[in-house]
Amino acid sequence: MNGPHRPRVVRTPAELSETTAELLDRRPGTLRGERRPSLGFVPTMGALHEGHAALVRSAHEDNDVVVASIFVNPLQFGERTDLQRYPRQLDQDVELLAGCGAEVVFAPSETVMYPDGPPLVSLNSGALGERFEGAARPGHFDGMLTVVAKLLHLAAPTVDAGFRCYFGQKDAQQLALIRRMVRDLDFPAEIVAVPTVRTADGLALSSRNRFLTAAEGEAALVLSRALRLLEGRAERQEPLDLDSAVALVTSQPLVELDYFEVVHPSTLEPLAFNCRQTPFTGEALALIAAKVGSVRLIDNAPLGS
């Protein structure tokens, strides 16, 4: 029996455009009852895991052609050592993508993406990119938006076709910023959010989890437990009692809490209601970040309707 078809790996924008145009021209565009084909795009930095696989599978279900990109973007790293430490495993990643339905992998070099060195013109994430993860990693979201903008331009179909781009809900601030960029700058792309993928015991999947010791991995479960606590209270329209959820996290000695906030899902502004005593109604997003040992982890949970 043959295994899954290995995706075609392309290295340049010209190869990407030619390959996707060829594939889209062959497809009838029958998914979702559409009259034209559609392209699903999943940008990644590699070191892929089941969370990325869920993005690709969602794209495969919705679209006629699926493209994934693998590019470790230097603009997102404050420390050169962090950039050098980031895992590169293209062959392994391509094998995972083959099993999820990706047909094309765009794997450009740094010189292809930034032929003149770091770009002189880049995107600014504004106030939305300066809080939470932006406060911990200054400039990170500017670099993220700059590369995502480039990738959306490069991956956009050059023939008449729909264009959907898939991002994980786990990186909630990144998702909010990308949605705002697409809206503000009129990118012709539909942004699709895919729910967070977790281990059986609740830990959100992340490329960073590989750096946790067994004891740290066990301790990290307190993040999802605290989020589930708030989810249950929100479903019952009880006071969220955020203080008790914070206390649960800080009771774990291996966990150093950075922030734990309840915010508006789109603007990420802290909500005005009292998260301690007032019964919860409406819709919100709980965000949490903490260091577990030397590893920084983030997680979140939608609250309410």
Protein backbone atom coordinates (compact mmCIF):
# COMPACT_ATOMS: atom_id res chain seq x y z
CA MET A 1 0.00 0.00 0.00
CA ASN A 2 1.32 3.44 -0.89
CA GLY A 3 1.70 6.05 1.82
CA PRO A 4 0.38 9.59 1.59
CA HIS A 5 1.51 11.62 -1.40
CA ARG A 6 4.56 13.73 -0.56
CA PRO A 7 3.92 17.44 -1.06
CA ARG A 8 5.84 19.34 -3.70
CA VAL A 9 8.49 21.51 -2.00
CA VAL A 10 9.06 24.85 -3.72
CA ARG A 11 11.64 27.45 -2.77
CA THR A 12 10.83 30.64 -4.68
CA PRO A 13 7.75 32.84 -5.14
CA ALA A 14 7.74 32.11 -8.87
CA GLU A 15 7.67 28.34 -8.24
CA LEU A 16 4.89 28.81 -5.69
CA SER A 17 2.70 30.85 -8.05
CA GLU A 18 3.25 28.50 -10.98
CA THR A 19 2.55 25.38 -8.93
CA THR A 20 -0.61 26.65 -7.24
CA ALA A 21 -1.98 28.06 -10.50
CA GLU A 22 -1.42 24.69 -12.19
CA LEU A 23 -3.17 22.79 -9.39
CA LEU A 24 -6.09 25.21 -9.14
CA ASP A 25 -6.66 25.07 -12.89
CA ARG A 26 -7.19 21.31 -12.56
CA ARG A 27 -9.78 21.51 -9.77
CA PRO A 28 -13.52 21.84 -10.35
CA GLY A 29 -14.18 23.98 -7.28
CA THR A 30 -16.98 21.79 -5.92
CA LEU A 31 -16.24 22.13 -2.20
CA ARG A 32 -18.89 24.05 -0.22
CA GLY A 33 -20.89 24.25 -3.45
CA GLU A 34 -18.52 26.92 -4.80
CA ARG A 35 -18.25 27.56 -8.53
CA ARG A 36 -14.53 28.25 -8.46
CA PRO A 37 -11.66 26.44 -6.74
CA SER A 38 -10.21 27.68 -3.47
CA LEU A 39 -6.76 27.66 -1.96
CA GLY A 40 -6.13 27.05 1.72
CA PHE A 41 -2.90 28.45 3.14
CA VAL A 42 -1.23 27.53 6.44
CA PRO A 43 1.85 29.61 7.33
CA THR A 44 4.20 28.04 9.89
CA MET A 45 7.74 28.27 11.22
CA GLY A 46 8.22 24.52 11.12
CA ALA A 47 8.90 22.19 14.07
CA LEU A 48 5.40 20.96 13.34
CA HIS A 49 3.17 19.05 15.74
CA GLU A 50 -0.45 17.89 15.92
CA GLY A 51 -1.63 21.47 16.37
CA HIS A 52 -0.25 22.39 12.97
CA ALA A 53 -1.68 19.18 11.54
CA ALA A 54 -5.14 20.28 12.68
CA LEU A 55 -4.72 23.53 10.75
CA VAL A 56 -3.76 21.67 7.58
CA ARG A 57 -6.60 19.17 7.95
CA SER A 58 -9.08 22.03 8.34
CA ALA A 59 -7.69 23.66 5.22
CA HIS A 60 -7.92 20.35 3.36
CA GLU A 61 -11.58 19.94 4.32
CA ASP A 62 -12.47 23.45 3.11
CA ASN A 63 -10.37 23.90 -0.03
CA ASP A 64 -9.35 22.31 -3.32
CA VAL A 65 -5.62 22.99 -2.92
CA VAL A 66 -3.64 23.31 0.34
CA VAL A 67 -0.30 25.09 0.70
CA ALA A 68 1.77 25.23 3.88
CA SER A 69 4.79 27.45 4.33
CA ILE A 70 7.81 26.74 6.52
CA PHE A 71 9.98 29.75 7.26
CA VAL A 72 11.77 30.61 10.51
CA ASN A 73 11.30 34.36 10.48
CA PRO A 74 14.27 36.20 12.02
CA LEU A 75 12.20 39.36 12.50
CA GLN A 76 10.24 37.64 15.27
CA PHE A 77 13.25 36.84 17.44
CA GLY A 78 14.74 39.35 19.84
CA GLU A 79 17.74 37.20 20.74
CA ARG A 80 19.94 35.68 18.04
CA THR A 81 20.44 32.64 20.28
CA ASP A 82 16.66 32.03 20.30
CA LEU A 83 16.66 32.14 16.50
CA GLN A 84 19.55 29.68 16.31
CA ARG A 85 17.89 27.41 18.88
CA TYR A 86 14.62 27.13 16.98
CA PRO A 87 14.31 23.58 15.55
CA ARG A 88 14.78 23.07 11.81
CA GLN A 89 13.44 19.71 10.60
CA LEU A 90 12.14 20.19 7.08
CA ASP A 91 12.08 16.51 6.05
CA GLN A 92 10.16 15.53 9.18
CA ASP A 93 7.76 18.44 8.74
CA VAL A 94 7.08 17.54 5.11
CA GLU A 95 6.24 13.98 6.15
CA LEU A 96 3.71 15.28 8.69
CA LEU A 97 2.18 17.60 6.10
CA ALA A 98 1.87 14.73 3.63
CA GLY A 99 -0.42 12.91 6.02
CA CYS A 100 -2.71 15.94 6.46
CA GLY A 101 -3.48 16.81 2.86
CA ALA A 102 -0.96 19.54 2.01
CA GLU A 103 0.01 19.43 -1.64
CA VAL A 104 2.60 22.21 -1.70
CA VAL A 105 5.20 23.30 0.86
CA PHE A 106 6.74 26.73 0.39
CA ALA A 107 10.13 26.62 2.14
CA PRO A 108 12.02 29.79 1.18
CA SER A 109 15.45 30.77 2.47
CA GLU A 110 16.04 33.97 4.41
CA THR A 111 17.66 35.53 1.34
CA VAL A 112 14.58 34.73 -0.75
CA MET A 113 12.26 36.35 1.78
CA TYR A 114 14.54 39.29 2.56
CA PRO A 115 16.89 39.66 -0.45
CA ASP A 116 18.14 43.07 0.71
CA GLY A 117 18.50 42.13 4.36
CA PRO A 118 16.04 43.19 7.06
CA PRO A 119 13.28 45.22 5.39
CA LEU A 120 13.44 49.00 5.66
CA VAL A 121 9.65 49.14 5.44
CA SER A 122 7.72 46.92 7.84
CA LEU A 123 4.38 46.77 9.62
CA ASN A 124 3.71 48.22 13.06
CA SER A 125 1.40 46.24 15.33
CA GLY A 126 0.42 49.37 17.26
CA ALA A 127 -1.03 49.36 20.75
CA LEU A 128 -2.57 45.91 20.22
CA GLY A 129 0.91 44.46 19.72
CA GLU A 130 2.53 46.17 22.70
CA ARG A 131 0.65 44.47 25.52
CA PHE A 132 0.74 40.88 26.80
CA GLU A 133 3.11 38.92 24.54
CA GLY A 134 4.26 42.15 22.93
CA ALA A 135 5.37 43.50 26.29
CA ALA A 136 7.38 40.34 26.92
CA ARG A 137 8.85 40.25 23.41
CA PRO A 138 9.22 43.80 22.06
CA GLY A 139 9.05 43.95 18.27
CA HIS A 140 7.85 40.36 17.96
CA PHE A 141 4.45 41.20 16.51
CA ASP A 142 5.86 43.80 14.12
CA GLY A 143 8.06 41.05 12.68
CA MET A 144 5.19 38.56 12.66
CA LEU A 145 2.84 40.89 10.77
CA THR A 146 5.56 41.82 8.28
CA VAL A 147 6.25 38.22 7.32
CA VAL A 148 2.58 37.21 7.31
CA ALA A 149 1.81 40.14 5.00
CA LYS A 150 4.57 39.00 2.65
CA LEU A 151 3.40 35.39 2.77
CA LEU A 152 -0.22 36.33 2.08
CA HIS A 153 0.90 38.27 -0.98
CA LEU A 154 3.10 35.43 -2.19
CA ALA A 155 0.56 32.65 -1.58
CA ALA A 156 -2.49 34.46 -2.94
CA PRO A 157 -3.85 32.69 -6.04
CA THR A 158 -2.89 34.21 -9.38
CA VAL A 159 -5.96 32.62 -11.00
CA ASP A 160 -9.63 33.10 -10.15
CA ALA A 161 -9.92 31.25 -6.85
CA GLY A 162 -10.93 31.69 -3.23
CA PHE A 163 -8.23 32.25 -0.62
CA ARG A 164 -8.44 31.12 3.03
CA CYS A 165 -5.66 31.33 5.60
CA TYR A 166 -5.60 29.20 8.73
CA PHE A 167 -4.26 30.16 12.17
CA GLY A 168 -4.49 28.54 15.58
CA GLN A 169 -6.64 29.98 18.35
CA LYS A 170 -3.83 29.16 20.82
CA ASP A 171 -1.93 32.23 19.65
CA ALA A 172 -4.90 34.48 20.36
CA GLN A 173 -3.04 37.80 20.23
CA GLN A 174 -1.38 36.86 16.95
CA LEU A 175 -4.77 35.87 15.53
CA ALA A 176 -6.36 39.16 16.62
CA LEU A 177 -3.55 41.15 15.03
CA ILE A 178 -3.70 39.24 11.74
CA ARG A 179 -7.46 39.71 11.55
CA ARG A 180 -7.03 43.43 12.17
CA MET A 181 -4.25 43.69 9.56
CA VAL A 182 -6.37 41.93 6.95
CA ARG A 183 -9.32 44.21 7.72
CA ASP A 184 -7.33 47.44 7.92
CA LEU A 185 -5.25 46.81 4.79
CA ASP A 186 -7.94 45.06 2.72
CA PHE A 187 -6.13 41.79 2.10
CA PRO A 188 -8.28 39.57 -0.17
CA ALA A 189 -8.11 36.66 2.25
CA GLU A 190 -10.51 34.96 4.65
CA ILE A 191 -8.90 34.28 8.05
CA VAL A 192 -10.02 31.01 9.61
CA ALA A 193 -9.35 30.28 13.29
CA VAL A 194 -8.84 26.66 14.34
CA PRO A 195 -9.42 25.64 17.99
CA THR A 196 -6.44 24.87 20.22
CA VAL A 197 -5.23 21.27 20.13
CA ARG A 198 -4.35 19.78 23.51
CA THR A 199 -2.80 16.67 24.95
CA ALA A 200 -5.12 14.22 26.67
CA ASP A 201 -4.42 15.90 30.02
CA GLY A 202 -5.11 19.39 28.71
CA LEU A 203 -1.73 20.95 27.89
CA ALA A 204 -1.93 23.16 24.79
CA LEU A 205 0.38 21.83 22.09
CA SER A 206 3.39 24.03 21.41
CA SER A 207 6.80 23.66 19.82
CA ARG A 208 8.19 24.77 23.18
CA ASN A 209 6.76 21.79 25.07
CA ARG A 210 9.73 19.67 23.98
CA PHE A 211 11.93 21.74 26.29
CA LEU A 212 9.90 20.87 29.42
CA THR A 213 11.11 18.21 31.83
CA ALA A 214 8.61 15.62 33.00
CA ALA A 215 8.05 17.51 36.26
CA GLU A 216 7.66 20.81 34.41
CA GLY A 217 5.20 19.27 31.98
CA GLU A 218 3.08 18.09 34.89
CA ALA A 219 3.28 21.51 36.55
CA ALA A 220 2.27 23.25 33.30
CA LEU A 221 -1.15 21.56 33.44
CA VAL A 222 -2.19 24.14 36.03
CA LEU A 223 -2.57 26.67 33.19
CA SER A 224 -5.34 24.75 31.44
CA ARG A 225 -6.92 23.81 34.79
CA ALA A 226 -7.21 27.49 35.70
CA LEU A 227 -8.73 28.29 32.31
CA ARG A 228 -11.26 25.47 32.65
CA LEU A 229 -12.21 26.88 36.04
CA LEU A 230 -13.14 30.19 34.40
CA GLU A 231 -14.89 28.45 31.50
CA GLY A 232 -17.16 26.58 33.92
CA ARG A 233 -18.05 29.72 35.84
CA ALA A 234 -18.75 31.61 32.62
CA GLU A 235 -21.05 28.84 31.36
CA ARG A 236 -23.00 29.02 34.63
CA GLN A 237 -22.98 32.84 34.51
CA GLU A 238 -21.31 32.95 37.90
CA PRO A 239 -18.74 35.53 39.00
CA LEU A 240 -15.43 34.55 37.39
CA ASP A 241 -13.54 35.09 40.66
CA LEU A 242 -10.32 35.66 38.75
CA ASP A 243 -8.36 36.00 41.99
CA SER A 244 -8.98 32.36 42.91
CA ALA A 245 -7.91 31.22 39.44
CA VAL A 246 -4.72 33.25 39.79
CA ALA A 247 -4.13 31.70 43.20
CA LEU A 248 -4.45 28.23 41.70
CA VAL A 249 -1.66 29.00 39.22
CA THR A 250 0.64 30.68 41.72
CA SER A 251 0.28 27.76 44.10
CA GLN A 252 2.39 25.67 41.71
CA PRO A 253 6.05 26.27 42.67
CA LEU A 254 7.47 25.47 39.22
CA VAL A 255 5.23 28.05 37.53
CA GLU A 256 6.00 31.77 37.45
CA LEU A 257 2.89 33.64 36.31
CA ASP A 258 3.36 36.54 33.89
CA TYR A 259 -0.25 37.56 33.29
CA PHE A 260 -3.76 36.19 33.63
CA GLU A 261 -6.40 38.53 32.21
CA VAL A 262 -9.97 38.53 30.91
CA VAL A 263 -10.24 40.66 27.76
CA HIS A 264 -12.45 41.54 24.82
CA PRO A 265 -11.99 38.84 22.13
CA SER A 266 -11.15 41.26 19.31
CA THR A 267 -9.49 44.28 20.90
CA LEU A 268 -7.86 42.40 23.81
CA GLU A 269 -8.78 45.32 26.03
CA PRO A 270 -9.35 44.30 29.67
CA LEU A 271 -13.09 44.13 30.25
CA ALA A 272 -14.67 46.75 32.43
CA PHE A 273 -16.85 44.37 34.40
CA ASN A 274 -15.70 43.15 37.79
CA CYS A 275 -14.20 39.71 37.18
CA ARG A 276 -14.32 38.97 40.88
CA GLN A 277 -17.91 39.47 42.08
CA THR A 278 -20.23 40.38 39.18
CA PRO A 279 -22.04 37.46 37.48
CA PHE A 280 -20.49 36.89 34.07
CA THR A 281 -22.54 37.50 30.93
CA GLY A 282 -21.57 38.11 27.34
CA GLU A 283 -18.37 37.06 25.63
CA ALA A 284 -14.71 37.34 26.59
CA LEU A 285 -11.31 35.73 26.26
CA ALA A 286 -9.12 34.57 29.13
CA LEU A 287 -5.39 34.94 28.43
CA ILE A 288 -2.60 33.40 30.46
CA ALA A 289 1.20 33.29 30.17
CA ALA A 290 3.76 31.83 32.53
CA LYS A 291 7.29 30.51 32.71
CA VAL A 292 7.50 26.85 33.62
CA GLY A 293 11.11 26.24 34.48
CA SER A 294 12.91 28.11 31.70
CA VAL A 295 10.09 27.66 29.15
CA ARG A 296 7.52 30.38 28.51
CA LEU A 297 4.05 29.07 27.71
CA ILE A 298 0.83 30.78 26.66
CA ASP A 299 -2.76 29.59 26.59
CA ASN A 300 -6.25 31.03 26.38
CA ALA A 301 -9.92 30.12 26.51
CA PRO A 302 -13.02 31.75 25.00
CA LEU A 303 -15.59 32.55 27.66
CA GLY A 304 -19.35 32.84 27.20
CA SER A 305 -21.39 32.69 24.03
